[in-house]
Amino acid sequence: MLVVRGPNQEIGTAISRSIWTWARVAGGAAILAVLVWRVGTGPLVDGLRLTTGSPLAAALAITALTTLCCAWRWRLVAGGLGVEMPLRTAVAAYYRSQFLNATLPGGVVGDVHRAVRHGREVGDLGRSLRAVAWERASGFAVQIVLTLGVLFLLPRPVGFRVPSIAVTVVVVACTALIAVPLCLNRRRLSTRIGRAFTSDLRDAVLAPRAWPGILLASTVAVLGHAAVFLIAVRATGADVSPARLLPLALVVLTASAVPTNIAGWGPREGAAAWAFSSVGLGATLGLTVAVVYGVLALFATLPGAVVLVAARRRRVWRGACS
């Protein structure tokens, strides 16, 4: 049966998207406002001041490895869906998407841009969108498993209540990531899931050629991000053992995936303030660490800005030659 969408439906969809976009930004702004009200602006200033050369260089190097792993994961998933790409192209596109995610509200704009651009290049927008969605979902699933594994298997810091609070953070993050696409377009998404979910899962994620690489790449990426978080802690001068910090780092990184942020800021800082406070390290230290991590993460995505500038120059040059 052919379904024709009228002007009212299009307007309603546009309004829904606009409301959701503003709600995400407002959520991140509200979290930051509450933190500033409770602990002041000192941690924000200290976080910026403590971000020096050595931590920046280390974050840049580690993020190069994690970006390579994520690009490889994307390539594996895309290959299973029949929209293969060279690894070099995937790495450049992933850097670009990370930079956009780190500088634009919501934290997902870069992924949408990556999917749409790849879809136009291969002439199949639908499969490209699905490839990016599955790539991010599979990576987040591995992150959740690792987070829960660390929380339950490693000795937990005193005062860190699991599963009552930490698991709640994970569940909220999962619910938010699932709710985002459903809110954007429930009817079209449900139809697409009903038609392609099983085949995509079988061919792109759980295929023998794909899942070992996806698991390995996702594990290395999560541990790499956690390593940058530990570097941020060291930059503040706090003397805390890695075993005590790892559960905190994974919970904060999982909470940062909630797409109610301002260029990555908001849920991450709130989760860090709560997590550090719950183990007696203080909300102020948690917020300072989150700020340092945010600056390190932003700096580490700057190669994506180079990719954007280079692509723009190529388009200008081609336009001048045509």
Protein backbone atom coordinates (compact mmCIF):
# COMPACT_ATOMS: atom_id res chain seq x y z
CA MET A 1 0.00 0.00 0.00
CA LEU A 2 1.35 3.41 -1.00
CA VAL A 3 1.43 5.96 1.78
CA VAL A 4 1.54 9.59 0.72
CA ARG A 5 2.77 12.08 3.27
CA GLY A 6 0.90 15.35 3.14
CA PRO A 7 2.13 18.86 3.93
CA ASN A 8 0.75 18.67 7.47
CA GLN A 9 2.77 15.51 8.14
CA GLU A 10 5.95 17.14 6.83
CA ILE A 11 5.35 20.22 8.98
CA GLY A 12 4.65 18.06 12.01
CA THR A 13 7.87 16.10 11.50
CA ALA A 14 9.89 19.31 11.14
CA ILE A 15 8.35 20.74 14.32
CA SER A 16 9.05 17.51 16.22
CA ARG A 17 12.67 17.55 15.14
CA SER A 18 13.05 21.20 16.08
CA ILE A 19 11.52 20.62 19.52
CA TRP A 20 13.76 17.61 20.13
CA THR A 21 16.86 19.53 19.05
CA TRP A 22 16.11 22.40 21.42
CA ALA A 23 15.23 19.95 24.20
CA ARG A 24 18.61 18.24 23.89
CA VAL A 25 20.46 21.56 24.05
CA ALA A 26 18.32 22.72 26.97
CA GLY A 27 19.05 19.49 28.83
CA GLY A 28 22.80 19.95 28.53
CA ALA A 29 22.56 23.63 29.46
CA ALA A 30 20.46 22.80 32.52
CA ILE A 31 23.02 20.27 33.77
CA LEU A 32 25.86 22.75 33.36
CA ALA A 33 23.85 25.50 35.03
CA VAL A 34 23.13 23.32 38.07
CA LEU A 35 26.80 22.34 38.35
CA VAL A 36 27.96 25.96 38.22
CA TRP A 37 25.33 26.88 40.80
CA ARG A 38 26.45 24.10 43.15
CA VAL A 39 30.26 24.19 42.80
CA GLY A 40 30.97 27.53 41.10
CA THR A 41 33.06 28.32 38.05
CA GLY A 42 36.37 27.39 39.68
CA PRO A 43 36.48 23.82 38.32
CA LEU A 44 35.81 25.10 34.80
CA VAL A 45 38.66 27.60 34.99
CA ASP A 46 41.00 25.05 36.60
CA GLY A 47 40.15 22.48 33.95
CA LEU A 48 41.12 24.85 31.16
CA ARG A 49 44.29 25.93 32.96
CA LEU A 50 45.47 22.38 33.63
CA THR A 51 45.20 21.26 30.00
CA THR A 52 48.87 21.47 28.97
CA GLY A 53 51.13 20.11 26.25
CA SER A 54 51.88 16.58 27.45
CA PRO A 55 48.26 15.54 28.11
CA LEU A 56 47.22 17.07 24.78
CA ALA A 57 49.90 15.13 22.90
CA ALA A 58 48.97 11.89 24.65
CA ALA A 59 45.27 12.40 23.91
CA LEU A 60 46.04 13.11 20.27
CA ALA A 61 48.05 9.88 19.94
CA ILE A 62 45.52 7.70 21.76
CA THR A 63 42.62 9.16 19.80
CA ALA A 64 44.44 8.38 16.56
CA LEU A 65 44.37 4.71 17.59
CA THR A 66 40.73 4.79 18.72
CA THR A 67 39.70 6.56 15.51
CA LEU A 68 41.44 3.91 13.44
CA CYS A 69 39.61 1.20 15.38
CA CYS A 70 36.23 2.90 15.00
CA ALA A 71 36.80 3.47 11.28
CA TRP A 72 37.71 -0.19 10.87
CA ARG A 73 34.52 -1.17 12.76
CA TRP A 74 32.46 1.06 10.46
CA ARG A 75 34.15 -0.47 7.42
CA LEU A 76 33.32 -4.00 8.62
CA VAL A 77 29.66 -3.13 9.17
CA ALA A 78 29.37 -1.23 5.89
CA GLY A 79 30.98 -4.12 4.02
CA GLY A 80 28.34 -6.48 5.38
CA LEU A 81 25.65 -4.16 4.03
CA GLY A 82 27.29 -3.91 0.61
CA VAL A 83 28.55 -0.32 0.88
CA GLU A 84 32.27 -0.98 1.29
CA MET A 85 34.85 1.79 1.49
CA PRO A 86 38.67 2.04 1.74
CA LEU A 87 40.06 2.22 5.27
CA ARG A 88 41.78 5.52 4.51
CA THR A 89 38.47 7.06 3.47
CA ALA A 90 36.78 5.68 6.58
CA VAL A 91 39.44 7.14 8.90
CA ALA A 92 39.17 10.60 7.34
CA ALA A 93 35.37 10.53 7.50
CA TYR A 94 35.42 9.35 11.10
CA TYR A 95 37.78 12.13 12.16
CA ARG A 96 35.48 14.63 10.47
CA SER A 97 32.42 13.23 12.23
CA GLN A 98 34.15 13.31 15.62
CA PHE A 99 35.09 16.94 15.14
CA LEU A 100 31.51 17.86 14.22
CA ASN A 101 30.15 15.88 17.18
CA ALA A 102 32.55 17.71 19.49
CA THR A 103 31.68 21.19 18.22
CA LEU A 104 27.95 21.05 17.40
CA PRO A 105 24.97 20.51 19.75
CA GLY A 106 23.54 17.04 20.25
CA GLY A 107 26.64 14.94 19.71
CA VAL A 108 25.27 13.09 16.66
CA VAL A 109 25.47 15.64 13.85
CA GLY A 110 28.83 14.31 12.73
CA ASP A 111 27.51 10.76 12.45
CA VAL A 112 24.55 11.91 10.37
CA HIS A 113 26.89 13.90 8.12
CA ARG A 114 29.18 10.87 7.77
CA ALA A 115 26.29 8.61 6.82
CA VAL A 116 24.73 11.04 4.34
CA ARG A 117 28.02 11.83 2.63
CA HIS A 118 28.96 8.19 2.29
CA GLY A 119 25.47 7.39 1.03
CA ARG A 120 25.78 9.98 -1.72
CA GLU A 121 29.20 8.66 -2.69
CA VAL A 122 28.01 5.05 -3.05
CA GLY A 123 24.53 5.91 -4.31
CA ASP A 124 22.69 4.16 -1.46
CA LEU A 125 21.70 6.51 1.35
CA GLY A 126 19.54 3.95 3.16
CA ARG A 127 22.28 1.37 3.60
CA SER A 128 24.80 4.01 4.57
CA LEU A 129 22.51 5.34 7.29
CA ARG A 130 21.97 1.82 8.56
CA ALA A 131 25.70 1.12 8.49
CA VAL A 132 26.46 4.11 10.71
CA ALA A 133 23.57 3.28 13.04
CA TRP A 134 24.71 -0.34 13.44
CA GLU A 135 28.34 0.71 13.83
CA ARG A 136 27.54 3.10 16.66
CA ALA A 137 25.05 0.70 18.28
CA SER A 138 27.47 -2.23 18.24
CA GLY A 139 30.23 -0.09 19.72
CA PHE A 140 27.93 1.19 22.45
CA ALA A 141 26.76 -2.36 23.21
CA VAL A 142 30.36 -3.44 23.79
CA GLN A 143 30.91 -0.37 25.97
CA ILE A 144 27.90 -1.27 28.12
CA VAL A 145 29.12 -4.86 28.55
CA LEU A 146 32.61 -3.67 29.51
CA THR A 147 31.19 -1.08 31.92
CA LEU A 148 28.94 -3.56 33.66
CA GLY A 149 31.73 -6.14 33.73
CA VAL A 150 34.12 -3.71 35.41
CA LEU A 151 31.46 -2.57 37.87
CA PHE A 152 30.62 -6.10 38.95
CA LEU A 153 34.02 -7.80 38.70
CA LEU A 154 36.51 -5.22 39.96
CA PRO A 155 36.58 -4.04 43.58
CA ARG A 156 34.36 -0.99 43.70
CA PRO A 157 35.35 2.23 45.43
CA VAL A 158 33.72 2.70 48.81
CA GLY A 159 30.46 4.56 48.44
CA PHE A 160 30.00 3.71 44.77
CA ARG A 161 26.60 2.02 44.80
CA VAL A 162 26.08 -0.65 42.16
CA PRO A 163 23.80 -1.59 40.58
CA SER A 164 21.22 0.82 42.01
CA ILE A 165 22.80 4.02 40.66
CA ALA A 166 25.49 3.10 38.15
CA VAL A 167 23.25 0.73 36.24
CA THR A 168 20.58 3.41 36.23
CA VAL A 169 23.00 5.71 34.41
CA VAL A 170 23.64 2.99 31.82
CA VAL A 171 19.93 2.28 31.38
CA VAL A 172 19.14 5.98 30.95
CA ALA A 173 21.87 6.28 28.33
CA CYS A 174 20.53 3.27 26.43
CA THR A 175 16.95 4.53 26.62
CA ALA A 176 17.97 7.97 25.33
CA LEU A 177 19.89 6.53 22.39
CA ILE A 178 16.92 4.36 21.44
CA ALA A 179 14.39 7.16 21.94
CA VAL A 180 16.19 9.66 19.70
CA PRO A 181 15.49 7.98 16.35
CA LEU A 182 12.03 6.93 17.48
CA CYS A 183 11.14 10.53 18.25
CA LEU A 184 12.52 11.71 14.91
CA ASN A 185 10.36 9.49 12.76
CA ARG A 186 8.58 6.61 14.42
CA ARG A 187 6.52 5.39 11.48
CA ARG A 188 9.28 5.23 8.89
CA LEU A 189 11.81 3.80 11.37
CA SER A 190 9.49 1.06 12.60
CA THR A 191 8.79 -0.01 9.03
CA ARG A 192 12.46 -0.06 8.19
CA ILE A 193 13.35 -2.02 11.31
CA GLY A 194 10.65 -4.57 10.58
CA ARG A 195 12.05 -5.10 7.10
CA ALA A 196 15.83 -4.93 7.65
CA PHE A 197 16.65 -5.55 11.31
CA THR A 198 17.20 -9.31 11.13
CA SER A 199 19.14 -9.31 7.88
CA ASP A 200 21.33 -6.39 8.95
CA LEU A 201 22.12 -8.01 12.27
CA ARG A 202 23.01 -11.28 10.59
CA ASP A 203 24.99 -9.90 7.65
CA ALA A 204 26.64 -6.78 9.10
CA VAL A 205 27.16 -7.34 12.83
CA LEU A 206 27.06 -11.03 13.71
CA ALA A 207 28.60 -12.37 10.50
CA PRO A 208 31.75 -14.47 11.13
CA ARG A 209 33.79 -12.03 9.08
CA ALA A 210 32.61 -9.04 11.09
CA TRP A 211 31.87 -9.66 14.76
CA PRO A 212 35.41 -10.54 15.97
CA GLY A 213 36.76 -7.32 14.44
CA ILE A 214 33.83 -5.30 15.79
CA LEU A 215 34.41 -6.69 19.27
CA LEU A 216 38.17 -6.05 19.16
CA ALA A 217 37.87 -2.56 17.68
CA SER A 218 35.17 -1.54 20.15
CA THR A 219 37.12 -2.85 23.14
CA VAL A 220 40.28 -0.98 22.12
CA ALA A 221 38.26 2.19 21.49
CA VAL A 222 36.57 2.08 24.91
CA LEU A 223 39.86 1.42 26.69
CA GLY A 224 41.47 4.24 24.71
CA HIS A 225 38.81 6.72 25.79
CA ALA A 226 39.18 5.50 29.37
CA ALA A 227 42.95 6.05 29.10
CA VAL A 228 42.38 9.66 28.03
CA PHE A 229 40.08 10.06 31.04
CA LEU A 230 42.84 8.76 33.34
CA ILE A 231 45.26 11.22 31.74
CA ALA A 232 42.76 13.98 32.56
CA VAL A 233 42.75 12.86 36.18
CA ARG A 234 46.54 12.88 36.31
CA ALA A 235 46.59 16.38 34.81
CA THR A 236 44.66 17.65 37.82
CA GLY A 237 47.33 16.29 40.15
CA ALA A 238 44.95 13.89 41.91
CA ASP A 239 46.69 10.79 43.26
CA VAL A 240 44.10 8.06 42.67
CA SER A 241 44.89 4.49 41.60
CA PRO A 242 43.80 3.40 38.09
CA ALA A 243 41.84 0.49 39.59
CA ARG A 244 39.76 2.96 41.56
CA LEU A 245 39.32 5.31 38.62
CA LEU A 246 38.42 2.79 35.90
CA PRO A 247 34.83 2.15 37.09
CA LEU A 248 34.29 5.90 37.40
CA ALA A 249 35.73 6.53 33.95
CA LEU A 250 33.52 3.95 32.23
CA VAL A 251 30.36 5.19 33.94
CA VAL A 252 31.15 8.79 32.99
CA LEU A 253 31.94 7.83 29.39
CA THR A 254 28.71 5.85 29.14
CA ALA A 255 26.69 8.75 30.52
CA SER A 256 28.36 11.10 28.04
CA ALA A 257 26.67 9.15 25.24
CA VAL A 258 23.31 10.63 26.27
CA PRO A 259 22.51 13.00 23.37
CA THR A 260 21.32 15.89 25.54
CA ASN A 261 24.47 17.93 25.42
CA ILE A 262 26.04 21.07 24.04
CA ALA A 263 28.90 19.93 21.81
CA GLY A 264 29.55 17.06 24.20
CA TRP A 265 29.19 19.12 27.39
CA GLY A 266 26.52 18.47 29.99
CA PRO A 267 25.80 14.83 30.93
CA ARG A 268 29.51 14.03 31.07
CA GLU A 269 30.19 16.78 33.61
CA GLY A 270 27.11 15.90 35.64
CA ALA A 271 28.03 12.21 35.75
CA ALA A 272 31.63 13.00 36.69
CA ALA A 273 30.59 15.30 39.53
CA TRP A 274 28.22 12.66 40.89
CA ALA A 275 30.63 9.72 40.46
CA PHE A 276 33.59 11.42 42.12
CA SER A 277 31.40 12.75 44.92
CA SER A 278 29.94 9.28 45.58
CA VAL A 279 33.40 7.83 46.30
CA GLY A 280 34.57 10.70 48.47
CA LEU A 281 36.75 12.45 45.87
CA GLY A 282 34.48 15.46 45.65
CA ALA A 283 32.19 16.87 42.97
CA THR A 284 34.65 19.70 42.35
CA LEU A 285 37.40 17.28 41.31
CA GLY A 286 34.96 15.34 39.16
CA LEU A 287 33.88 18.47 37.31
CA THR A 288 37.48 19.60 36.85
CA VAL A 289 38.45 16.21 35.43
CA ALA A 290 35.46 16.29 33.07
CA VAL A 291 36.48 19.73 31.81
CA VAL A 292 40.07 18.60 31.24
CA TYR A 293 38.79 15.50 29.44
CA GLY A 294 36.47 17.62 27.30
CA VAL A 295 39.33 19.87 26.21
CA LEU A 296 41.57 16.87 25.50
CA ALA A 297 38.85 15.17 23.50
CA LEU A 298 38.16 18.33 21.48
CA PHE A 299 41.85 18.86 20.75
CA ALA A 300 42.23 15.23 19.69
CA THR A 301 39.51 15.67 17.04
CA LEU A 302 41.22 18.63 15.35
CA PRO A 303 42.47 16.43 12.47
CA GLY A 304 38.79 16.32 11.53
CA ALA A 305 38.87 20.08 11.03
CA VAL A 306 41.83 19.59 8.68
CA VAL A 307 39.78 17.04 6.73
CA LEU A 308 36.90 19.51 6.45
CA VAL A 309 39.15 22.33 5.23
CA ALA A 310 40.91 20.05 2.74
CA ALA A 311 37.60 18.81 1.35
CA ARG A 312 36.33 22.37 0.96
CA ARG A 313 39.49 23.40 -0.90
CA ARG A 314 39.14 20.44 -3.24
CA ARG A 315 35.56 21.44 -4.05
CA VAL A 316 36.62 25.05 -4.69
CA TRP A 317 39.47 23.89 -6.91
CA ARG A 318 37.22 21.56 -8.90
CA GLY A 319 34.65 24.32 -9.30
CA ALA A 320 37.32 26.70 -10.59
CA CYS A 321 38.60 24.11 -13.08
CA SER A 322 35.17 23.18 -14.41
